[in-house]
Every structure is written in C-alpha cells, then in structure tokens.
Amino acid sequence: MALSTQELETRLWSVADSLRANSKLTSAEYKSPVLGLVFLRFADHKFSATKAQLESTGSSRRTIGKDDYIAQYVIYLPETAQYSHLL
C-alpha cells in the first residue's frame, strides 16, 4: 500500500502527537529511535530492491553475499536486522 506524501505526513504527525500525549518522553528522547526506524525502513527498501535485481541477474553457481551489495552501494542487512523481521 503506497501512501501519498500528505497521508504519510498526517500519519507521522499523528504518531508524534500520540507519543507526546501518552508518554512521559520528550520529543528529544523519542526522536532517535523513531528516526532510526525511518532510516532502517529506507535502507531495507534499497536492500530489497537490490536483492531482487541481484537474484534475477545472478548465476546459480555463485551465492550472493555481502560484497555484492557493497558493490551496488547498498547497506547489507542480515535477516535479523531487516525491517520485516523486526516488524
């Protein structure tokens, strides 16, 4: 499900309002984990796209590894660090 920029902005503000209202945390305290998750989602998206590309053009004789992702300028994410696993 793709969100428009406006829908995404509305959801993010709603979550921020909820965090401010329902916790004793200040915005300075919850910004780091939230921004970390946003970055992880971005990195996971790039990783997944590159994984599909590598698998479609790869050889059956050689396994795809960390160096293949680095060569594509993509952060390698082990399975336990991927957004879908953490979700």
PDB file of N, CA and C in Angstrom:
ATOM      1  N   MET A   1       0.848  -1.173   0.000  1.00  0.00           N
ATOM      2  CA  MET A   1       0.000   0.000   0.000  1.00  0.00           C
ATOM      3  C   MET A   1       0.894   1.236   0.000  1.00  0.00           C
ATOM      4  N   ALA A   2       0.852   1.976  -1.063  1.00  0.00           N
ATOM      5  CA  ALA A   2       1.657   3.188  -1.175  1.00  0.00           C
ATOM      6  C   ALA A   2       0.874   4.379  -0.613  1.00  0.00           C
ATOM      7  N   LEU A   3       1.551   5.171   0.174  1.00  0.00           N
ATOM      8  CA  LEU A   3       0.929   6.362   0.750  1.00  0.00           C
ATOM      9  C   LEU A   3       1.402   7.590  -0.004  1.00  0.00           C
ATOM     10  N   SER A   4       0.490   8.553  -0.125  1.00  0.00           N
ATOM     11  CA  SER A   4       0.914   9.816  -0.696  1.00  0.00           C
ATOM     12  C   SER A   4       1.732  10.561   0.358  1.00  0.00           C
ATOM     13  N   THR A   5       2.454  11.552  -0.067  1.00  0.00           N
ATOM     14  CA  THR A   5       3.274  12.332   0.859  1.00  0.00           C
ATOM     15  C   THR A   5       2.402  12.982   1.930  1.00  0.00           C
ATOM     16  N   GLN A   6       1.249  13.472   1.538  1.00  0.00           N
ATOM     17  CA  GLN A   6       0.349  14.114   2.503  1.00  0.00           C
ATOM     18  C   GLN A   6      -0.166  13.111   3.533  1.00  0.00           C
ATOM     19  N   GLU A   7      -0.534  11.907   3.088  1.00  0.00           N
ATOM     20  CA  GLU A   7      -1.013  10.882   4.019  1.00  0.00           C
ATOM     21  C   GLU A   7       0.089  10.460   4.989  1.00  0.00           C
ATOM     22  N   LEU A   8       1.296  10.322   4.471  1.00  0.00           N
ATOM     23  CA  LEU A   8       2.421   9.954   5.312  1.00  0.00           C
ATOM     24  C   LEU A   8       2.701  11.031   6.350  1.00  0.00           C
ATOM     25  N   GLU A   9       2.682  12.277   5.924  1.00  0.00           N
ATOM     26  CA  GLU A   9       2.911  13.383   6.853  1.00  0.00           C
ATOM     27  C   GLU A   9       1.836  13.415   7.941  1.00  0.00           C
ATOM     28  N   THR A  10       0.599  13.208   7.559  1.00  0.00           N
ATOM     29  CA  THR A  10      -0.509  13.196   8.523  1.00  0.00           C
ATOM     30  C   THR A  10      -0.324  12.078   9.536  1.00  0.00           C
ATOM     31  N   ARG A  11       0.053  10.892   9.066  1.00  0.00           N
ATOM     32  CA  ARG A  11       0.259   9.763   9.972  1.00  0.00           C
ATOM     33  C   ARG A  11       1.425  10.013  10.924  1.00  0.00           C
ATOM     34  N   LEU A  12       2.517  10.560  10.391  1.00  0.00           N
ATOM     35  CA  LEU A  12       3.677  10.828  11.244  1.00  0.00           C
ATOM     36  C   LEU A  12       3.360  11.857  12.326  1.00  0.00           C
ATOM     37  N   TRP A  13       2.627  12.908  11.971  1.00  0.00           N
ATOM     38  CA  TRP A  13       2.237  13.907  12.974  1.00  0.00           C
ATOM     39  C   TRP A  13       1.312  13.286  14.011  1.00  0.00           C
ATOM     40  N   SER A  14       0.426  12.407  13.574  1.00  0.00           N
ATOM     41  CA  SER A  14      -0.491  11.734  14.497  1.00  0.00           C
ATOM     42  C   SER A  14       0.275  10.869  15.496  1.00  0.00           C
ATOM     43  N   VAL A  15       1.247  10.149  15.012  1.00  0.00           N
ATOM     44  CA  VAL A  15       2.068   9.315  15.893  1.00  0.00           C
ATOM     45  C   VAL A  15       2.863  10.188  16.854  1.00  0.00           C
ATOM     46  N   ALA A  16       3.438  11.269  16.354  1.00  0.00           N
ATOM     47  CA  ALA A  16       4.190  12.184  17.228  1.00  0.00           C
ATOM     48  C   ALA A  16       3.283  12.773  18.304  1.00  0.00           C
ATOM     49  N   ASP A  17       2.059  13.164  17.934  1.00  0.00           N
ATOM     50  CA  ASP A  17       1.102  13.683  18.916  1.00  0.00           C
ATOM     51  C   ASP A  17       0.774  12.623  19.966  1.00  0.00           C
ATOM     52  N   SER A  18       0.603  11.396  19.509  1.00  0.00           N
ATOM     53  CA  SER A  18       0.296  10.297  20.423  1.00  0.00           C
ATOM     54  C   SER A  18       1.453  10.048  21.390  1.00  0.00           C
ATOM     55  N   LEU A  19       2.672  10.085  20.888  1.00  0.00           N
ATOM     56  CA  LEU A  19       3.831   9.899  21.758  1.00  0.00           C
ATOM     57  C   LEU A  19       3.939  11.024  22.783  1.00  0.00           C
ATOM     58  N   ARG A  20       3.660  12.232  22.365  1.00  0.00           N
ATOM     59  CA  ARG A  20       3.724  13.363  23.306  1.00  0.00           C
ATOM     60  C   ARG A  20       2.631  13.253  24.368  1.00  0.00           C
ATOM     61  N   ALA A  21       1.445  12.838  23.966  1.00  0.00           N
ATOM     62  CA  ALA A  21       0.316  12.819  24.889  1.00  0.00           C
ATOM     63  C   ALA A  21       0.319  11.594  25.803  1.00  0.00           C
ATOM     64  N   ASN A  22       0.793  10.471  25.323  1.00  0.00           N
ATOM     65  CA  ASN A  22       0.636   9.218  26.061  1.00  0.00           C
ATOM     66  C   ASN A  22       1.912   8.684  26.695  1.00  0.00           C
ATOM     67  N   SER A  23       2.934   9.477  26.716  1.00  0.00           N
ATOM     68  CA  SER A  23       4.160   9.033  27.383  1.00  0.00           C
ATOM     69  C   SER A  23       4.789  10.226  28.093  1.00  0.00           C
ATOM     70  N   LYS A  24       5.692   9.910  28.959  1.00  0.00           N
ATOM     71  CA  LYS A  24       6.399  10.974  29.676  1.00  0.00           C
ATOM     72  C   LYS A  24       7.676  11.373  28.954  1.00  0.00           C
ATOM     73  N   LEU A  25       7.840  10.857  27.728  1.00  0.00           N
ATOM     74  CA  LEU A  25       9.035  11.173  26.949  1.00  0.00           C
ATOM     75  C   LEU A  25       8.903  12.536  26.275  1.00  0.00           C
ATOM     76  N   THR A  26      10.012  13.223  26.176  1.00  0.00           N
ATOM     77  CA  THR A  26      10.035  14.458  25.399  1.00  0.00           C
ATOM     78  C   THR A  26      10.390  14.101  23.960  1.00  0.00           C
ATOM     79  N   SER A  27      10.166  15.032  23.061  1.00  0.00           N
ATOM     80  CA  SER A  27      10.482  14.756  21.656  1.00  0.00           C
ATOM     81  C   SER A  27      11.970  14.474  21.473  1.00  0.00           C
ATOM     82  N   ALA A  28      12.810  15.081  22.291  1.00  0.00           N
ATOM     83  CA  ALA A  28      14.252  14.833  22.207  1.00  0.00           C
ATOM     84  C   ALA A  28      14.589  13.401  22.600  1.00  0.00           C
ATOM     85  N   GLU A  29      13.762  12.781  23.445  1.00  0.00           N
ATOM     86  CA  GLU A  29      14.027  11.421  23.905  1.00  0.00           C
ATOM     87  C   GLU A  29      13.534  10.361  22.919  1.00  0.00           C
ATOM     88  N   TYR A  30      12.458  10.610  22.190  1.00  0.00           N
ATOM     89  CA  TYR A  30      11.963   9.580  21.280  1.00  0.00           C
ATOM     90  C   TYR A  30      12.360   9.816  19.830  1.00  0.00           C
ATOM     91  N   LYS A  31      13.034  10.918  19.540  1.00  0.00           N
ATOM     92  CA  LYS A  31      13.398  11.181  18.140  1.00  0.00           C
ATOM     93  C   LYS A  31      14.432  10.195  17.614  1.00  0.00           C
ATOM     94  N   SER A  32      15.390   9.797  18.432  1.00  0.00           N
ATOM     95  CA  SER A  32      16.443   8.897  17.954  1.00  0.00           C
ATOM     96  C   SER A  32      15.915   7.527  17.531  1.00  0.00           C
ATOM     97  N   PRO A  33      15.110   6.857  18.366  1.00  0.00           N
ATOM     98  CA  PRO A  33      14.600   5.566  17.904  1.00  0.00           C
ATOM     99  C   PRO A  33      13.652   5.702  16.713  1.00  0.00           C
ATOM    100  N   VAL A  34      12.861   6.752  16.668  1.00  0.00           N
ATOM    101  CA  VAL A  34      11.932   6.941  15.552  1.00  0.00           C
ATOM    102  C   VAL A  34      12.707   7.210  14.263  1.00  0.00           C
ATOM    103  N   LEU A  35      13.678   8.105  14.312  1.00  0.00           N
ATOM    104  CA  LEU A  35      14.485   8.378  13.118  1.00  0.00           C
ATOM    105  C   LEU A  35      15.293   7.154  12.707  1.00  0.00           C
ATOM    106  N   GLY A  36      15.730   6.375  13.684  1.00  0.00           N
ATOM    107  CA  GLY A  36      16.444   5.131  13.375  1.00  0.00           C
ATOM    108  C   GLY A  36      15.564   4.162  12.604  1.00  0.00           C
ATOM    109  N   LEU A  37      14.284   4.053  12.996  1.00  0.00           N
ATOM    110  CA  LEU A  37      13.356   3.177  12.285  1.00  0.00           C
ATOM    111  C   LEU A  37      13.056   3.693  10.881  1.00  0.00           C
ATOM    112  N   VAL A  38      12.952   4.996  10.734  1.00  0.00           N
ATOM    113  CA  VAL A  38      12.727   5.574   9.407  1.00  0.00           C
ATOM    114  C   VAL A  38      13.926   5.269   8.501  1.00  0.00           C
ATOM    115  N   PHE A  39      15.134   5.431   9.044  1.00  0.00           N
ATOM    116  CA  PHE A  39      16.325   5.115   8.251  1.00  0.00           C
ATOM    117  C   PHE A  39      16.394   3.628   7.924  1.00  0.00           C
ATOM    118  N   LEU A  40      16.066   2.770   8.889  1.00  0.00           N
ATOM    119  CA  LEU A  40      16.083   1.334   8.638  1.00  0.00           C
ATOM    120  C   LEU A  40      15.098   0.964   7.546  1.00  0.00           C
ATOM    121  N   ARG A  41      13.938   1.585   7.545  1.00  0.00           N
ATOM    122  CA  ARG A  41      12.942   1.296   6.507  1.00  0.00           C
ATOM    123  C   ARG A  41      13.473   1.705   5.135  1.00  0.00           C
ATOM    124  N   PHE A  42      14.137   2.842   5.060  1.00  0.00           N
ATOM    125  CA  PHE A  42      14.743   3.296   3.812  1.00  0.00           C
ATOM    126  C   PHE A  42      15.817   2.314   3.356  1.00  0.00           C
ATOM    127  N   ALA A  43      16.710   1.925   4.281  1.00  0.00           N
ATOM    128  CA  ALA A  43      17.795   1.000   3.944  1.00  0.00           C
ATOM    129  C   ALA A  43      17.234  -0.351   3.525  1.00  0.00           C
ATOM    130  N   ASP A  44      16.173  -0.806   4.186  1.00  0.00           N
ATOM    131  CA  ASP A  44      15.557  -2.080   3.847  1.00  0.00           C
ATOM    132  C   ASP A  44      14.928  -2.044   2.456  1.00  0.00           C
ATOM    133  N   HIS A  45      14.334  -0.918   2.110  1.00  0.00           N
ATOM    134  CA  HIS A  45      13.740  -0.773   0.782  1.00  0.00           C
ATOM    135  C   HIS A  45      14.816  -0.888  -0.298  1.00  0.00           C
ATOM    136  N   LYS A  46      15.933  -0.186  -0.111  1.00  0.00           N
ATOM    137  CA  LYS A  46      17.042  -0.260  -1.068  1.00  0.00           C
ATOM    138  C   LYS A  46      17.627  -1.675  -1.112  1.00  0.00           C
ATOM    139  N   PHE A  47      17.765  -2.301   0.047  1.00  0.00           N
ATOM    140  CA  PHE A  47      18.304  -3.656   0.130  1.00  0.00           C
ATOM    141  C   PHE A  47      17.399  -4.641  -0.617  1.00  0.00           C
ATOM    142  N   SER A  48      16.095  -4.552  -0.416  1.00  0.00           N
ATOM    143  CA  SER A  48      15.152  -5.467  -1.067  1.00  0.00           C
ATOM    144  C   SER A  48      15.166  -5.301  -2.583  1.00  0.00           C
ATOM    145  N   ALA A  49      15.217  -4.063  -3.043  1.00  0.00           N
ATOM    146  CA  ALA A  49      15.256  -3.814  -4.494  1.00  0.00           C
ATOM    147  C   ALA A  49      16.535  -4.376  -5.101  1.00  0.00           C
ATOM    148  N   THR A  50      17.661  -4.183  -4.411  1.00  0.00           N
ATOM    149  CA  THR A  50      18.930  -4.692  -4.901  1.00  0.00           C
ATOM    150  C   THR A  50      18.962  -6.218  -4.843  1.00  0.00           C
ATOM    151  N   LYS A  51      18.376  -6.790  -3.809  1.00  0.00           N
ATOM    152  CA  LYS A  51      18.315  -8.249  -3.687  1.00  0.00           C
ATOM    153  C   LYS A  51      17.566  -8.859  -4.868  1.00  0.00           C
ATOM    154  N   ALA A  52      16.423  -8.278  -5.223  1.00  0.00           N
ATOM    155  CA  ALA A  52      15.654  -8.770  -6.365  1.00  0.00           C
ATOM    156  C   ALA A  52      16.458  -8.656  -7.657  1.00  0.00           C
ATOM    157  N   GLN A  53      17.151  -7.542  -7.808  1.00  0.00           N
ATOM    158  CA  GLN A  53      17.969  -7.328  -9.011  1.00  0.00           C
ATOM    159  C   GLN A  53      19.113  -8.339  -9.074  1.00  0.00           C
ATOM    160  N   LEU A  54      19.802  -8.550  -7.966  1.00  0.00           N
ATOM    161  CA  LEU A  54      20.916  -9.497  -7.943  1.00  0.00           C
ATOM    162  C   LEU A  54      20.446 -10.930  -8.190  1.00  0.00           C
ATOM    163  N   GLU A  55      19.303 -11.281  -7.622  1.00  0.00           N
ATOM    164  CA  GLU A  55      18.790 -12.630  -7.813  1.00  0.00           C
ATOM    165  C   GLU A  55      18.347 -12.878  -9.252  1.00  0.00           C
ATOM    166  N   SER A  56      17.833 -11.859  -9.897  1.00  0.00           N
ATOM    167  CA  SER A  56      17.378 -12.040 -11.279  1.00  0.00           C
ATOM    168  C   SER A  56      18.534 -12.109 -12.270  1.00  0.00           C
ATOM    169  N   THR A  57      19.652 -11.484 -11.945  1.00  0.00           N
ATOM    170  CA  THR A  57      20.805 -11.487 -12.858  1.00  0.00           C
ATOM    171  C   THR A  57      21.931 -12.391 -12.382  1.00  0.00           C
ATOM    172  N   GLY A  58      21.759 -13.029 -11.229  1.00  0.00           N
ATOM    173  CA  GLY A  58      22.833 -13.834 -10.650  1.00  0.00           C
ATOM    174  C   GLY A  58      22.991 -15.186 -11.309  1.00  0.00           C
ATOM    175  N   SER A  59      24.105 -15.796 -11.014  1.00  0.00           N
ATOM    176  CA  SER A  59      24.444 -17.120 -11.517  1.00  0.00           C
ATOM    177  C   SER A  59      24.060 -18.154 -10.467  1.00  0.00           C
ATOM    178  N   SER A  60      23.663 -19.332 -10.916  1.00  0.00           N
ATOM    179  CA  SER A  60      23.306 -20.390  -9.973  1.00  0.00           C
ATOM    180  C   SER A  60      24.560 -21.036  -9.371  1.00  0.00           C
ATOM    181  N   ARG A  61      25.722 -20.760  -9.920  1.00  0.00           N
ATOM    182  CA  ARG A  61      26.979 -21.337  -9.429  1.00  0.00           C
ATOM    183  C   ARG A  61      27.550 -20.584  -8.232  1.00  0.00           C
ATOM    184  N   ARG A  62      27.159 -19.342  -8.048  1.00  0.00           N
ATOM    185  CA  ARG A  62      27.745 -18.500  -7.001  1.00  0.00           C
ATOM    186  C   ARG A  62      26.635 -17.925  -6.127  1.00  0.00           C
ATOM    187  N   THR A  63      26.861 -17.942  -4.832  1.00  0.00           N
ATOM    188  CA  THR A  63      25.868 -17.351  -3.931  1.00  0.00           C
ATOM    189  C   THR A  63      26.102 -15.847  -3.823  1.00  0.00           C
ATOM    190  N   ILE A  64      25.018 -15.144  -3.607  1.00  0.00           N
ATOM    191  CA  ILE A  64      25.083 -13.685  -3.455  1.00  0.00           C
ATOM    192  C   ILE A  64      25.476 -13.389  -2.014  1.00  0.00           C
ATOM    193  N   GLY A  65      26.430 -12.508  -1.835  1.00  0.00           N
ATOM    194  CA  GLY A  65      26.913 -12.198  -0.493  1.00  0.00           C
ATOM    195  C   GLY A  65      26.985 -10.711  -0.219  1.00  0.00           C
ATOM    196  N   LYS A  66      27.525 -10.393   0.929  1.00  0.00           N
ATOM    197  CA  LYS A  66      27.631  -9.013   1.401  1.00  0.00           C
ATOM    198  C   LYS A  66      28.384  -8.128   0.408  1.00  0.00           C
ATOM    199  N   ASP A  67      29.446  -8.659  -0.184  1.00  0.00           N
ATOM    200  CA  ASP A  67      30.250  -7.871  -1.122  1.00  0.00           C
ATOM    201  C   ASP A  67      29.457  -7.450  -2.360  1.00  0.00           C
ATOM    202  N   ASP A  68      28.490  -8.255  -2.760  1.00  0.00           N
ATOM    203  CA  ASP A  68      27.664  -7.902  -3.915  1.00  0.00           C
ATOM    204  C   ASP A  68      26.813  -6.659  -3.622  1.00  0.00           C
ATOM    205  N   TYR A  69      26.315  -6.561  -2.395  1.00  0.00           N
ATOM    206  CA  TYR A  69      25.517  -5.391  -2.009  1.00  0.00           C
ATOM    207  C   TYR A  69      26.408  -4.154  -1.877  1.00  0.00           C
ATOM    208  N   ILE A  70      27.588  -4.341  -1.302  1.00  0.00           N
ATOM    209  CA  ILE A  70      28.521  -3.226  -1.157  1.00  0.00           C
ATOM    210  C   ILE A  70      28.918  -2.687  -2.529  1.00  0.00           C
ATOM    211  N   ALA A  71      29.093  -3.588  -3.487  1.00  0.00           N
ATOM    212  CA  ALA A  71      29.454  -3.170  -4.851  1.00  0.00           C
ATOM    213  C   ALA A  71      28.337  -2.337  -5.492  1.00  0.00           C
ATOM    214  N   GLN A  72      27.100  -2.516  -5.033  1.00  0.00           N
ATOM    215  CA  GLN A  72      25.960  -1.755  -5.539  1.00  0.00           C
ATOM    216  C   GLN A  72      25.681  -0.514  -4.675  1.00  0.00           C
ATOM    217  N   TYR A  73      26.573  -0.235  -3.712  1.00  0.00           N
ATOM    218  CA  TYR A  73      26.425   0.915  -2.789  1.00  0.00           C
ATOM    219  C   TYR A  73      25.156   0.822  -1.952  1.00  0.00           C
ATOM    220  N   VAL A  74      24.895  -0.378  -1.466  1.00  0.00           N
ATOM    221  CA  VAL A  74      23.713  -0.638  -0.639  1.00  0.00           C
ATOM    222  C   VAL A  74      24.192  -1.224   0.685  1.00  0.00           C
ATOM    223  N   ILE A  75      23.567  -0.808   1.766  1.00  0.00           N
ATOM    224  CA  ILE A  75      23.897  -1.355   3.076  1.00  0.00           C
ATOM    225  C   ILE A  75      23.390  -2.793   3.141  1.00  0.00           C
ATOM    226  N   TYR A  76      24.287  -3.723   3.482  1.00  0.00           N
ATOM    227  CA  TYR A  76      23.889  -5.123   3.623  1.00  0.00           C
ATOM    228  C   TYR A  76      23.168  -5.296   4.952  1.00  0.00           C
ATOM    229  N   LEU A  77      21.993  -5.894   4.908  1.00  0.00           N
ATOM    230  CA  LEU A  77      21.216  -6.130   6.118  1.00  0.00           C
ATOM    231  C   LEU A  77      21.049  -7.632   6.330  1.00  0.00           C
ATOM    232  N   PRO A  78      21.648  -8.191   7.384  1.00  0.00           N
ATOM    233  CA  PRO A  78      21.395  -9.593   7.676  1.00  0.00           C
ATOM    234  C   PRO A  78      19.908  -9.783   7.980  1.00  0.00           C
ATOM    235  N   GLU A  79      19.437 -10.998   7.885  1.00  0.00           N
ATOM    236  CA  GLU A  79      17.997 -11.236   8.038  1.00  0.00           C
ATOM    237  C   GLU A  79      17.453 -10.720   9.365  1.00  0.00           C
ATOM    238  N   THR A  80      18.204 -10.854  10.435  1.00  0.00           N
ATOM    239  CA  THR A  80      17.717 -10.411  11.746  1.00  0.00           C
ATOM    240  C   THR A  80      17.671  -8.894  11.893  1.00  0.00           C
ATOM    241  N   ALA A  81      18.292  -8.166  10.966  1.00  0.00           N
ATOM    242  CA  ALA A  81      18.291  -6.702  11.019  1.00  0.00           C
ATOM    243  C   ALA A  81      17.354  -6.085   9.996  1.00  0.00           C
ATOM    244  N   GLN A  82      16.659  -6.906   9.210  1.00  0.00           N
ATOM    245  CA  GLN A  82      15.757  -6.386   8.194  1.00  0.00           C
ATOM    246  C   GLN A  82      14.464  -5.910   8.841  1.00  0.00           C
ATOM    247  N   TYR A  83      13.886  -4.881   8.248  1.00  0.00           N
ATOM    248  CA  TYR A  83      12.681  -4.261   8.792  1.00  0.00           C
ATOM    249  C   TYR A  83      11.555  -5.268   8.970  1.00  0.00           C
ATOM    250  N   SER A  84      11.359  -6.138   7.989  1.00  0.00           N
ATOM    251  CA  SER A  84      10.280  -7.125   8.069  1.00  0.00           C
ATOM    252  C   SER A  84      10.469  -8.079   9.241  1.00  0.00           C
ATOM    253  N   HIS A  85      11.709  -8.417   9.553  1.00  0.00           N
ATOM    254  CA  HIS A  85      11.980  -9.295  10.690  1.00  0.00           C
ATOM    255  C   HIS A  85      11.671  -8.570  12.006  1.00  0.00           C
ATOM    256  N   LEU A  86      12.079  -7.327  12.092  1.00  0.00           N
ATOM    257  CA  LEU A  86      11.854  -6.546  13.311  1.00  0.00           C
ATOM    258  C   LEU A  86      10.388  -6.193  13.515  1.00  0.00           C
ATOM    259  N   LEU A  87       9.679  -6.024  12.411  1.00  0.00           N
ATOM    260  CA  LEU A  87       8.255  -5.671  12.482  1.00  0.00           C
ATOM    261  C   LEU A  87       7.486  -6.805  13.118  1.00  0.00           C
TER     262      LEU A  87
END
